[in-house]
Full PDB file with SEQRES, HELIX, SHEET, SSBOND, CRYST1, ORIGX, SCALE, CONECT and MASTER records, all heavy atoms in Angstrom:
SEQRES   1 A   40  ASN ARG SER SER MET THR PHE LEU THR ARG GLN ALA PHE          
SEQRES   2 A   40  ALA LYS GLN PHE ASN SER THR PRO ASP ASP LEU ASP MET          
SEQRES   3 A   40  HIS VAL ILE TYR ASP VAL SER HIS ASN ILE ALA LYS ILE          
SEQRES   4 A   40  GLU                                                          
HELIX    1 AA1 ARG A    2  GLN A   16  1                                  15    
CRYST1    1.000    1.000    1.000  90.00  90.00  90.00 P 1           1          
ORIGX1      1.000000  0.000000  0.000000        0.00000                         
ORIGX2      0.000000  1.000000  0.000000        0.00000                         
ORIGX3      0.000000  0.000000  1.000000        0.00000                         
SCALE1      1.000000  0.000000  0.000000        0.00000                         
SCALE2      0.000000  1.000000  0.000000        0.00000                         
SCALE3      0.000000  0.000000  1.000000        0.00000                         
ATOM      1  N   ASN A   1       0.833  -1.204   0.000  1.00  0.00           N  
ATOM      2  CA  ASN A   1       0.000   0.000   0.000  1.00  0.00           C  
ATOM      3  C   ASN A   1       0.874   1.263   0.000  1.00  0.00           C  
ATOM      4  O   ASN A   1       0.689   2.164  -0.818  1.00  0.00           O  
ATOM      5  CB  ASN A   1      -0.904  -0.025   1.241  1.00  0.00           C  
ATOM      6  CG  ASN A   1      -2.036   0.982   1.158  1.00  0.00           C  
ATOM      7  OD1 ASN A   1      -2.504   1.312   0.073  1.00  0.00           O  
ATOM      8  ND2 ASN A   1      -2.469   1.483   2.294  1.00  0.00           N  
ATOM      9  N   ARG A   2       1.864   1.307   0.913  1.00  0.00           N  
ATOM     10  CA  ARG A   2       2.733   2.495   0.962  1.00  0.00           C  
ATOM     11  C   ARG A   2       3.586   2.602  -0.304  1.00  0.00           C  
ATOM     12  O   ARG A   2       3.884   3.701  -0.768  1.00  0.00           O  
ATOM     13  CB  ARG A   2       3.612   2.473   2.223  1.00  0.00           C  
ATOM     14  CG  ARG A   2       2.809   2.683   3.503  1.00  0.00           C  
ATOM     15  CD  ARG A   2       3.656   3.134   4.685  1.00  0.00           C  
ATOM     16  NE  ARG A   2       4.449   2.105   5.315  1.00  0.00           N  
ATOM     17  CZ  ARG A   2       4.014   1.241   6.233  1.00  0.00           C  
ATOM     18  NH1 ARG A   2       2.745   1.268   6.620  1.00  0.00           N  
ATOM     19  NH2 ARG A   2       4.823   0.348   6.774  1.00  0.00           N  
ATOM     20  N   SER A   3       3.959   1.439  -0.852  1.00  0.00           N  
ATOM     21  CA  SER A   3       4.745   1.448  -2.107  1.00  0.00           C  
ATOM     22  C   SER A   3       3.928   2.004  -3.261  1.00  0.00           C  
ATOM     23  O   SER A   3       4.438   2.741  -4.106  1.00  0.00           O  
ATOM     24  CB  SER A   3       5.204   0.032  -2.462  1.00  0.00           C  
ATOM     25  OG  SER A   3       6.037  -0.466  -1.448  1.00  0.00           O  
ATOM     26  N   SER A   4       2.644   1.626  -3.304  1.00  0.00           N  
ATOM     27  CA  SER A   4       1.768   2.123  -4.374  1.00  0.00           C  
ATOM     28  C   SER A   4       1.615   3.632  -4.268  1.00  0.00           C  
ATOM     29  O   SER A   4       1.614   4.343  -5.273  1.00  0.00           O  
ATOM     30  CB  SER A   4       0.390   1.449  -4.285  1.00  0.00           C  
ATOM     31  OG  SER A   4       0.539   0.045  -4.347  1.00  0.00           O  
ATOM     32  N   MET A   5       1.513   4.134  -3.014  1.00  0.00           N  
ATOM     33  CA  MET A   5       1.387   5.587  -2.826  1.00  0.00           C  
ATOM     34  C   MET A   5       2.708   6.302  -3.117  1.00  0.00           C  
ATOM     35  O   MET A   5       2.713   7.458  -3.530  1.00  0.00           O  
ATOM     36  CB  MET A   5       0.866   5.896  -1.423  1.00  0.00           C  
ATOM     37  CG  MET A   5      -0.618   5.567  -1.300  1.00  0.00           C  
ATOM     38  SD  MET A   5      -1.327   6.073   0.257  1.00  0.00           S  
ATOM     39  CE  MET A   5      -0.844   4.719   1.299  1.00  0.00           C  
ATOM     40  N   THR A   6       3.828   5.596  -2.930  1.00  0.00           N  
ATOM     41  CA  THR A   6       5.135   6.154  -3.293  1.00  0.00           C  
ATOM     42  C   THR A   6       5.170   6.379  -4.809  1.00  0.00           C  
ATOM     43  O   THR A   6       5.596   7.432  -5.291  1.00  0.00           O  
ATOM     44  CB  THR A   6       6.269   5.173  -2.890  1.00  0.00           C  
ATOM     45  OG1 THR A   6       6.194   4.950  -1.485  1.00  0.00           O  
ATOM     46  CG2 THR A   6       7.640   5.690  -3.255  1.00  0.00           C  
ATOM     47  N   PHE A   7       4.685   5.381  -5.539  1.00  0.00           N  
ATOM     48  CA  PHE A   7       4.622   5.456  -7.006  1.00  0.00           C  
ATOM     49  C   PHE A   7       3.772   6.655  -7.435  1.00  0.00           C  
ATOM     50  O   PHE A   7       4.166   7.446  -8.297  1.00  0.00           O  
ATOM     51  CB  PHE A   7       4.031   4.143  -7.539  1.00  0.00           C  
ATOM     52  CG  PHE A   7       3.745   4.138  -9.017  1.00  0.00           C  
ATOM     53  CD1 PHE A   7       4.782   4.000  -9.937  1.00  0.00           C  
ATOM     54  CD2 PHE A   7       2.443   4.250  -9.491  1.00  0.00           C  
ATOM     55  CE1 PHE A   7       4.525   3.986 -11.300  1.00  0.00           C  
ATOM     56  CE2 PHE A   7       2.183   4.243 -10.859  1.00  0.00           C  
ATOM     57  CZ  PHE A   7       3.217   4.112 -11.761  1.00  0.00           C  
ATOM     58  N   LEU A   8       2.597   6.816  -6.793  1.00  0.00           N  
ATOM     59  CA  LEU A   8       1.682   7.902  -7.149  1.00  0.00           C  
ATOM     60  C   LEU A   8       2.277   9.266  -6.778  1.00  0.00           C  
ATOM     61  O   LEU A   8       2.101  10.251  -7.493  1.00  0.00           O  
ATOM     62  CB  LEU A   8       0.332   7.702  -6.453  1.00  0.00           C  
ATOM     63  CG  LEU A   8      -0.424   6.420  -6.854  1.00  0.00           C  
ATOM     64  CD1 LEU A   8      -1.599   6.150  -5.920  1.00  0.00           C  
ATOM     65  CD2 LEU A   8      -0.908   6.494  -8.298  1.00  0.00           C  
ATOM     66  N   THR A   9       2.991   9.306  -5.646  1.00  0.00           N  
ATOM     67  CA  THR A   9       3.643  10.554  -5.206  1.00  0.00           C  
ATOM     68  C   THR A   9       4.723  10.963  -6.202  1.00  0.00           C  
ATOM     69  O   THR A   9       4.832  12.128  -6.599  1.00  0.00           O  
ATOM     70  CB  THR A   9       4.273  10.351  -3.802  1.00  0.00           C  
ATOM     71  OG1 THR A   9       3.234  10.022  -2.879  1.00  0.00           O  
ATOM     72  CG2 THR A   9       4.998  11.594  -3.328  1.00  0.00           C  
ATOM     73  N   ARG A  10       5.536   9.986  -6.614  1.00  0.00           N  
ATOM     74  CA  ARG A  10       6.597  10.278  -7.584  1.00  0.00           C  
ATOM     75  C   ARG A  10       5.995  10.794  -8.894  1.00  0.00           C  
ATOM     76  O   ARG A  10       6.516  11.723  -9.513  1.00  0.00           O  
ATOM     77  CB  ARG A  10       7.427   9.012  -7.833  1.00  0.00           C  
ATOM     78  CG  ARG A  10       8.400   8.704  -6.705  1.00  0.00           C  
ATOM     79  CD  ARG A  10       9.062   7.349  -6.860  1.00  0.00           C  
ATOM     80  NE  ARG A  10      10.128   7.140  -5.871  1.00  0.00           N  
ATOM     81  CZ  ARG A  10      10.543   5.959  -5.456  1.00  0.00           C  
ATOM     82  NH1 ARG A  10       9.995   4.847  -5.945  1.00  0.00           N  
ATOM     83  NH2 ARG A  10      11.510   5.853  -4.563  1.00  0.00           N  
ATOM     84  N   GLN A  11       4.859  10.205  -9.289  1.00  0.00           N  
ATOM     85  CA  GLN A  11       4.194  10.648 -10.523  1.00  0.00           C  
ATOM     86  C   GLN A  11       3.719  12.088 -10.397  1.00  0.00           C  
ATOM     87  O   GLN A  11       3.893  12.896 -11.301  1.00  0.00           O  
ATOM     88  CB  GLN A  11       2.987   9.746 -10.795  1.00  0.00           C  
ATOM     89  CG  GLN A  11       3.344   8.461 -11.512  1.00  0.00           C  
ATOM     90  CD  GLN A  11       2.090   7.819 -12.097  1.00  0.00           C  
ATOM     91  OE1 GLN A  11       1.018   7.853 -11.498  1.00  0.00           O  
ATOM     92  NE2 GLN A  11       2.217   7.250 -13.269  1.00  0.00           N  
ATOM     93  N   ALA A  12       3.091  12.394  -9.239  1.00  0.00           N  
ATOM     94  CA  ALA A  12       2.546  13.744  -9.026  1.00  0.00           C  
ATOM     95  C   ALA A  12       3.657  14.791  -9.077  1.00  0.00           C  
ATOM     96  O   ALA A  12       3.510  15.848  -9.706  1.00  0.00           O  
ATOM     97  CB  ALA A  12       1.813  13.804  -7.688  1.00  0.00           C  
ATOM     98  N   PHE A  13       4.795  14.511  -8.424  1.00  0.00           N  
ATOM     99  CA  PHE A  13       5.915  15.461  -8.415  1.00  0.00           C  
ATOM    100  C   PHE A  13       6.526  15.602  -9.812  1.00  0.00           C  
ATOM    101  O   PHE A  13       6.816  16.709 -10.268  1.00  0.00           O  
ATOM    102  CB  PHE A  13       6.991  15.006  -7.420  1.00  0.00           C  
ATOM    103  CG  PHE A  13       6.826  15.588  -6.043  1.00  0.00           C  
ATOM    104  CD1 PHE A  13       5.803  15.168  -5.206  1.00  0.00           C  
ATOM    105  CD2 PHE A  13       7.687  16.574  -5.576  1.00  0.00           C  
ATOM    106  CE1 PHE A  13       5.643  15.691  -3.934  1.00  0.00           C  
ATOM    107  CE2 PHE A  13       7.540  17.117  -4.300  1.00  0.00           C  
ATOM    108  CZ  PHE A  13       6.517  16.676  -3.479  1.00  0.00           C  
ATOM    109  N   ALA A  14       6.728  14.458 -10.476  1.00  0.00           N  
ATOM    110  CA  ALA A  14       7.355  14.484 -11.807  1.00  0.00           C  
ATOM    111  C   ALA A  14       6.515  15.324 -12.778  1.00  0.00           C  
ATOM    112  O   ALA A  14       7.044  16.126 -13.559  1.00  0.00           O  
ATOM    113  CB  ALA A  14       7.516  13.060 -12.326  1.00  0.00           C  
ATOM    114  N   LYS A  15       5.198  15.160 -12.674  1.00  0.00           N  
ATOM    115  CA  LYS A  15       4.270  15.877 -13.557  1.00  0.00           C  
ATOM    116  C   LYS A  15       4.346  17.388 -13.273  1.00  0.00           C  
ATOM    117  O   LYS A  15       4.452  18.206 -14.183  1.00  0.00           O  
ATOM    118  CB  LYS A  15       2.863  15.340 -13.275  1.00  0.00           C  
ATOM    119  CG  LYS A  15       1.857  15.595 -14.366  1.00  0.00           C  
ATOM    120  CD  LYS A  15       0.625  14.748 -14.068  1.00  0.00           C  
ATOM    121  CE  LYS A  15      -0.584  15.271 -14.817  1.00  0.00           C  
ATOM    122  NZ  LYS A  15      -1.796  14.565 -14.364  1.00  0.00           N  
ATOM    123  N   GLN A  16       4.309  17.728 -11.977  1.00  0.00           N  
ATOM    124  CA  GLN A  16       4.294  19.136 -11.588  1.00  0.00           C  
ATOM    125  C   GLN A  16       5.600  19.851 -11.990  1.00  0.00           C  
ATOM    126  O   GLN A  16       5.586  20.989 -12.428  1.00  0.00           O  
ATOM    127  CB  GLN A  16       4.081  19.252 -10.067  1.00  0.00           C  
ATOM    128  CG  GLN A  16       4.013  20.688  -9.548  1.00  0.00           C  
ATOM    129  CD  GLN A  16       2.834  21.465 -10.115  1.00  0.00           C  
ATOM    130  OE1 GLN A  16       1.699  21.015 -10.057  1.00  0.00           O  
ATOM    131  NE2 GLN A  16       3.113  22.621 -10.722  1.00  0.00           N  
ATOM    132  N   PHE A  17       6.728  19.134 -11.840  1.00  0.00           N  
ATOM    133  CA  PHE A  17       8.024  19.784 -12.100  1.00  0.00           C  
ATOM    134  C   PHE A  17       8.596  19.411 -13.469  1.00  0.00           C  
ATOM    135  O   PHE A  17       9.748  19.710 -13.771  1.00  0.00           O  
ATOM    136  CB  PHE A  17       9.019  19.463 -10.975  1.00  0.00           C  
ATOM    137  CG  PHE A  17       8.640  20.115  -9.676  1.00  0.00           C  
ATOM    138  CD1 PHE A  17       7.971  19.401  -8.690  1.00  0.00           C  
ATOM    139  CD2 PHE A  17       8.907  21.465  -9.464  1.00  0.00           C  
ATOM    140  CE1 PHE A  17       7.582  20.009  -7.503  1.00  0.00           C  
ATOM    141  CE2 PHE A  17       8.525  22.090  -8.283  1.00  0.00           C  
ATOM    142  CZ  PHE A  17       7.866  21.364  -7.298  1.00  0.00           C  
ATOM    143  N   ASN A  18       7.746  18.742 -14.273  1.00  0.00           N  
ATOM    144  CA  ASN A  18       8.125  18.395 -15.637  1.00  0.00           C  
ATOM    145  C   ASN A  18       9.509  17.732 -15.665  1.00  0.00           C  
ATOM    146  O   ASN A  18      10.413  18.138 -16.378  1.00  0.00           O  
ATOM    147  CB  ASN A  18       8.106  19.668 -16.500  1.00  0.00           C  
ATOM    148  CG  ASN A  18       8.009  19.308 -17.965  1.00  0.00           C  
ATOM    149  OD1 ASN A  18       7.702  18.162 -18.299  1.00  0.00           O  
ATOM    150  ND2 ASN A  18       8.292  20.253 -18.832  1.00  0.00           N  
ATOM    151  N   SER A  19       9.641  16.705 -14.811  1.00  0.00           N  
ATOM    152  CA  SER A  19      10.936  16.051 -14.630  1.00  0.00           C  
ATOM    153  C   SER A  19      10.682  14.559 -14.446  1.00  0.00           C  
ATOM    154  O   SER A  19       9.590  14.067 -14.719  1.00  0.00           O  
ATOM    155  CB  SER A  19      11.602  16.667 -13.395  1.00  0.00           C  
ATOM    156  OG  SER A  19      12.880  16.120 -13.206  1.00  0.00           O  
ATOM    157  N   THR A  20      11.687  13.835 -13.962  1.00  0.00           N  
ATOM    158  CA  THR A  20      11.476  12.417 -13.631  1.00  0.00           C  
ATOM    159  C   THR A  20      11.729  12.248 -12.127  1.00  0.00           C  
ATOM    160  O   THR A  20      12.512  13.020 -11.543  1.00  0.00           O  
ATOM    161  CB  THR A  20      12.451  11.495 -14.383  1.00  0.00           C  
ATOM    162  OG1 THR A  20      13.778  11.796 -13.923  1.00  0.00           O  
ATOM    163  CG2 THR A  20      12.359  11.697 -15.883  1.00  0.00           C  
ATOM    164  N   PRO A  21      11.104  11.243 -11.497  1.00  0.00           N  
ATOM    165  CA  PRO A  21      11.354  11.008 -10.069  1.00  0.00           C  
ATOM    166  C   PRO A  21      12.843  10.818  -9.791  1.00  0.00           C  
ATOM    167  O   PRO A  21      13.355  11.249  -8.765  1.00  0.00           O  
ATOM    168  CB  PRO A  21      10.578   9.728  -9.772  1.00  0.00           C  
ATOM    169  CG  PRO A  21       9.492   9.689 -10.797  1.00  0.00           C  
ATOM    170  CD  PRO A  21      10.090  10.310 -12.027  1.00  0.00           C  
ATOM    171  N   ASP A  22      13.553  10.196 -10.754  1.00  0.00           N  
ATOM    172  CA  ASP A  22      14.990   9.953 -10.608  1.00  0.00           C  
ATOM    173  C   ASP A  22      15.756  11.280 -10.560  1.00  0.00           C  
ATOM    174  O   ASP A  22      16.603  11.496  -9.691  1.00  0.00           O  
ATOM    175  CB  ASP A  22      15.470   9.117 -11.798  1.00  0.00           C  
ATOM    176  CG  ASP A  22      16.602   8.203 -11.411  1.00  0.00           C  
ATOM    177  OD1 ASP A  22      16.922   8.157 -10.209  1.00  0.00           O  
ATOM    178  OD2 ASP A  22      17.173   7.548 -12.296  1.00  0.00           O  
ATOM    179  N   ASP A  23      15.433  12.170 -11.497  1.00  0.00           N  
ATOM    180  CA  ASP A  23      16.117  13.474 -11.536  1.00  0.00           C  
ATOM    181  C   ASP A  23      15.766  14.320 -10.314  1.00  0.00           C  
ATOM    182  O   ASP A  23      16.530  15.203  -9.931  1.00  0.00           O  
ATOM    183  CB  ASP A  23      15.758  14.234 -12.819  1.00  0.00           C  
ATOM    184  CG  ASP A  23      16.465  13.642 -14.034  1.00  0.00           C  
ATOM    185  OD1 ASP A  23      17.461  12.911 -13.832  1.00  0.00           O  
ATOM    186  OD2 ASP A  23      16.017  13.877 -15.168  1.00  0.00           O  
ATOM    187  N   LEU A  24      14.600  14.056  -9.725  1.00  0.00           N  
ATOM    188  CA  LEU A  24      14.213  14.786  -8.505  1.00  0.00           C  
ATOM    189  C   LEU A  24      14.781  14.111  -7.253  1.00  0.00           C  
ATOM    190  O   LEU A  24      14.505  14.541  -6.139  1.00  0.00           O  
ATOM    191  CB  LEU A  24      12.674  14.874  -8.405  1.00  0.00           C  
ATOM    192  CG  LEU A  24      11.976  15.732  -9.462  1.00  0.00           C  
ATOM    193  CD1 LEU A  24      10.463  15.559  -9.390  1.00  0.00           C  
ATOM    194  CD2 LEU A  24      12.340  17.206  -9.310  1.00  0.00           C  
ATOM    195  N   ASP A  25      15.536  13.021  -7.450  1.00  0.00           N  
ATOM    196  CA  ASP A  25      16.186  12.300  -6.341  1.00  0.00           C  
ATOM    197  C   ASP A  25      15.164  11.810  -5.311  1.00  0.00           C  
ATOM    198  O   ASP A  25      15.385  11.902  -4.102  1.00  0.00           O  
ATOM    199  CB  ASP A  25      17.244  13.204  -5.679  1.00  0.00           C  
ATOM    200  CG  ASP A  25      18.147  12.417  -4.728  1.00  0.00           C  
ATOM    201  OD1 ASP A  25      18.432  11.251  -5.022  1.00  0.00           O  
ATOM    202  OD2 ASP A  25      18.534  12.953  -3.665  1.00  0.00           O  
ATOM    203  N   MET A  26      14.029  11.267  -5.798  1.00  0.00           N  
ATOM    204  CA  MET A  26      12.942  10.886  -4.878  1.00  0.00           C  
ATOM    205  C   MET A  26      13.156   9.494  -4.288  1.00  0.00           C  
ATOM    206  O   MET A  26      12.389   8.556  -4.513  1.00  0.00           O  
ATOM    207  CB  MET A  26      11.586  10.998  -5.570  1.00  0.00           C  
ATOM    208  CG  MET A  26      11.259  12.445  -5.929  1.00  0.00           C  
ATOM    209  SD  MET A  26       9.588  12.657  -6.520  1.00  0.00           S  
ATOM    210  CE  MET A  26       8.638  12.567  -5.004  1.00  0.00           C  
ATOM    211  N   HIS A  27      14.230   9.381  -3.509  1.00  0.00           N  
ATOM    212  CA  HIS A  27      14.571   8.105  -2.884  1.00  0.00           C  
ATOM    213  C   HIS A  27      13.850   7.932  -1.558  1.00  0.00           C  
ATOM    214  O   HIS A  27      13.560   8.910  -0.861  1.00  0.00           O  
ATOM    215  CB  HIS A  27      16.085   8.015  -2.658  1.00  0.00           C  
ATOM    216  CG  HIS A  27      16.838   7.740  -3.923  1.00  0.00           C  
ATOM    217  ND1 HIS A  27      17.066   6.465  -4.384  1.00  0.00           N  
ATOM    218  CD2 HIS A  27      17.385   8.569  -4.831  1.00  0.00           C  
ATOM    219  CE1 HIS A  27      17.734   6.516  -5.524  1.00  0.00           C  
ATOM    220  NE2 HIS A  27      17.934   7.781  -5.823  1.00  0.00           N  
ATOM    221  N   VAL A  28      13.590   6.670  -1.211  1.00  0.00           N  
ATOM    222  CA  VAL A  28      13.015   6.369   0.102  1.00  0.00           C  
ATOM    223  C   VAL A  28      14.145   6.452   1.137  1.00  0.00           C  
ATOM    224  O   VAL A  28      15.151   5.750   1.016  1.00  0.00           O  
ATOM    225  CB  VAL A  28      12.389   4.941   0.127  1.00  0.00           C  
ATOM    226  CG1 VAL A  28      11.983   4.553   1.545  1.00  0.00           C  
ATOM    227  CG2 VAL A  28      11.176   4.873  -0.803  1.00  0.00           C  
ATOM    228  N   ILE A  29      13.980   7.333   2.134  1.00  0.00           N  
ATOM    229  CA  ILE A  29      14.959   7.395   3.229  1.00  0.00           C  
ATOM    230  C   ILE A  29      14.787   6.152   4.097  1.00  0.00           C  
ATOM    231  O   ILE A  29      15.727   5.437   4.388  1.00  0.00           O  
ATOM    232  CB  ILE A  29      14.788   8.694   4.057  1.00  0.00           C  
ATOM    233  CG1 ILE A  29      15.240   9.898   3.226  1.00  0.00           C  
ATOM    234  CG2 ILE A  29      15.568   8.607   5.377  1.00  0.00           C  
ATOM    235  CD1 ILE A  29      15.095  11.247   3.925  1.00  0.00           C  
ATOM    236  N   TYR A  30      13.536   5.904   4.498  1.00  0.00           N  
ATOM    237  CA  TYR A  30      13.259   4.679   5.268  1.00  0.00           C  
ATOM    238  C   TYR A  30      11.753   4.476   5.365  1.00  0.00           C  
ATOM    239  O   TYR A  30      10.961   5.393   5.100  1.00  0.00           O  
ATOM    240  CB  TYR A  30      13.885   4.760   6.674  1.00  0.00           C  
ATOM    241  CG  TYR A  30      14.224   3.387   7.246  1.00  0.00           C  
ATOM    242  CD1 TYR A  30      15.067   2.521   6.558  1.00  0.00           C  
ATOM    243  CD2 TYR A  30      13.692   2.954   8.457  1.00  0.00           C  
ATOM    244  CE1 TYR A  30      15.367   1.252   7.055  1.00  0.00           C  
ATOM    245  CE2 TYR A  30      13.993   1.688   8.961  1.00  0.00           C  
ATOM    246  CZ  TYR A  30      14.834   0.848   8.249  1.00  0.00           C  
ATOM    247  OH  TYR A  30      15.128  -0.406   8.742  1.00  0.00           O  
ATOM    248  N   ASP A  31      11.366   3.264   5.718  1.00  0.00           N  
ATOM    249  CA  ASP A  31       9.956   2.921   5.954  1.00  0.00           C  
ATOM    250  C   ASP A  31       9.916   2.084   7.221  1.00  0.00           C  
ATOM    251  O   ASP A  31      10.580   1.048   7.300  1.00  0.00           O  
ATOM    252  CB  ASP A  31       9.421   2.125   4.744  1.00  0.00           C  
ATOM    253  CG  ASP A  31       7.979   1.657   4.922  1.00  0.00           C  
ATOM    254  OD1 ASP A  31       7.692   0.973   5.942  1.00  0.00           O  
ATOM    255  OD2 ASP A  31       7.129   1.934   4.054  1.00  0.00           O  
ATOM    256  N   VAL A  32       9.182   2.560   8.227  1.00  0.00           N  
ATOM    257  CA  VAL A  32       9.092   1.814   9.496  1.00  0.00           C  
ATOM    258  C   VAL A  32       7.644   1.504   9.843  1.00  0.00           C  
ATOM    259  O   VAL A  32       6.730   2.249   9.513  1.00  0.00           O  
ATOM    260  CB  VAL A  32       9.701   2.587  10.696  1.00  0.00           C  
ATOM    261  CG1 VAL A  32      11.202   2.608  10.631  1.00  0.00           C  
ATOM    262  CG2 VAL A  32       9.132   3.990  10.813  1.00  0.00           C  
ATOM    263  N   SER A  33       7.509   0.399  10.537  1.00  0.00           N  
ATOM    264  CA  SER A  33       6.192  -0.020  11.022  1.00  0.00           C  
ATOM    265  C   SER A  33       6.057   0.401  12.477  1.00  0.00           C  
ATOM    266  O   SER A  33       7.030   0.372  13.216  1.00  0.00           O  
ATOM    267  CB  SER A  33       6.116  -1.541  10.918  1.00  0.00           C  
ATOM    268  OG  SER A  33       5.031  -1.995  11.688  1.00  0.00           O  
ATOM    269  N   HIS A  34       4.833   0.773  12.909  1.00  0.00           N  
ATOM    270  CA  HIS A  34       4.670   0.988  14.346  1.00  0.00           C  
ATOM    271  C   HIS A  34       3.466   0.242  14.937  1.00  0.00           C  
ATOM    272  O   HIS A  34       2.967   0.614  15.985  1.00  0.00           O  
ATOM    273  CB  HIS A  34       4.658   2.486  14.717  1.00  0.00           C  
ATOM    274  CG  HIS A  34       3.723   3.342  13.920  1.00  0.00           C  
ATOM    275  ND1 HIS A  34       4.138   4.496  13.288  1.00  0.00           N  
ATOM    276  CD2 HIS A  34       2.407   3.235  13.680  1.00  0.00           C  
ATOM    277  CE1 HIS A  34       3.098   5.048  12.684  1.00  0.00           C  
ATOM    278  NE2 HIS A  34       2.037   4.309  12.912  1.00  0.00           N  
ATOM    279  N   ASN A  35       3.003  -0.805  14.238  1.00  0.00           N  
ATOM    280  CA  ASN A  35       1.962  -1.694  14.778  1.00  0.00           C  
ATOM    281  C   ASN A  35       2.255  -3.110  14.303  1.00  0.00           C  
ATOM    282  O   ASN A  35       1.739  -3.539  13.272  1.00  0.00           O  
ATOM    283  CB  ASN A  35       0.566  -1.303  14.235  1.00  0.00           C  
ATOM    284  CG  ASN A  35      -0.103  -0.202  15.029  1.00  0.00           C  
ATOM    285  OD1 ASN A  35       0.439   0.307  15.994  1.00  0.00           O  
ATOM    286  ND2 ASN A  35      -1.306   0.171  14.626  1.00  0.00           N  
ATOM    287  N   ILE A  36       3.075  -3.844  15.049  1.00  0.00           N  
ATOM    288  CA  ILE A  36       3.510  -5.148  14.520  1.00  0.00           C  
ATOM    289  C   ILE A  36       4.066  -6.022  15.652  1.00  0.00           C  
ATOM    290  O   ILE A  36       4.445  -5.511  16.706  1.00  0.00           O  
ATOM    291  CB  ILE A  36       4.573  -4.919  13.410  1.00  0.00           C  
ATOM    292  CG1 ILE A  36       4.610  -6.077  12.422  1.00  0.00           C  
ATOM    293  CG2 ILE A  36       5.935  -4.587  13.984  1.00  0.00           C  
ATOM    294  CD1 ILE A  36       5.193  -5.706  11.076  1.00  0.00           C  
ATOM    295  N   ALA A  37       4.081  -7.334  15.426  1.00  0.00           N  
ATOM    296  CA  ALA A  37       4.761  -8.254  16.362  1.00  0.00           C  
ATOM    297  C   ALA A  37       5.760  -9.065  15.547  1.00  0.00           C  
ATOM    298  O   ALA A  37       5.402  -9.608  14.497  1.00  0.00           O  
ATOM    299  CB  ALA A  37       3.747  -9.180  17.025  1.00  0.00           C  
ATOM    300  N   LYS A  38       7.015  -9.116  16.027  1.00  0.00           N  
ATOM    301  CA  LYS A  38       8.047  -9.803  15.248  1.00  0.00           C  
ATOM    302  C   LYS A  38       8.997 -10.582  16.152  1.00  0.00           C  
ATOM    303  O   LYS A  38       9.240 -10.186  17.292  1.00  0.00           O  
ATOM    304  CB  LYS A  38       8.868  -8.777  14.455  1.00  0.00           C  
ATOM    305  CG  LYS A  38       8.064  -8.138  13.340  1.00  0.00           C  
ATOM    306  CD  LYS A  38       8.929  -7.411  12.348  1.00  0.00           C  
ATOM    307  CE  LYS A  38       9.835  -6.432  13.021  1.00  0.00           C  
ATOM    308  NZ  LYS A  38      10.486  -5.532  12.080  1.00  0.00           N  
ATOM    309  N   ILE A  39       9.532 -11.669  15.599  1.00  0.00           N  
ATOM    310  CA  ILE A  39      10.510 -12.467  16.350  1.00  0.00           C  
ATOM    311  C   ILE A  39      11.885 -11.824  16.161  1.00  0.00           C  
ATOM    312  O   ILE A  39      12.339 -11.624  15.025  1.00  0.00           O  
ATOM    313  CB  ILE A  39      10.508 -13.929  15.862  1.00  0.00           C  
ATOM    314  CG1 ILE A  39       9.132 -14.561  16.140  1.00  0.00           C  
ATOM    315  CG2 ILE A  39      11.620 -14.729  16.536  1.00  0.00           C  
ATOM    316  CD1 ILE A  39       8.890 -15.895  15.478  1.00  0.00           C  
ATOM    317  N   GLU A  40      12.506 -11.460  17.269  1.00  0.00           N  
ATOM    318  CA  GLU A  40      13.815 -10.804  17.243  1.00  0.00           C  
ATOM    319  C   GLU A  40      14.710 -11.405  18.326  1.00  0.00           C  
ATOM    320  O   GLU A  40      14.207 -11.985  19.293  1.00  0.00           O  
ATOM    321  CB  GLU A  40      13.673  -9.298  17.528  1.00  0.00           C  
ATOM    322  CG  GLU A  40      12.881  -8.549  16.472  1.00  0.00           C  
ATOM    323  CD  GLU A  40      12.568  -7.105  16.855  1.00  0.00           C  
ATOM    324  OE1 GLU A  40      12.936  -6.662  17.970  1.00  0.00           O  
ATOM    325  OE2 GLU A  40      11.927  -6.423  16.029  1.00  0.00           O  
TER     326      GLU A  40                                                      
MASTER        0    0    0    1    0    0    0    6  325    1    0    4          
END                                                                             
């Protein structure tokens, strides 16, 4: 879900600035969960 919205966000910015997400350096800094149970 968050990945799909990342795709849509990159599209919106690229369209507005007449560029590409790559040229705008739209990299993911990080993605964290805050509702989860995991074996660690």
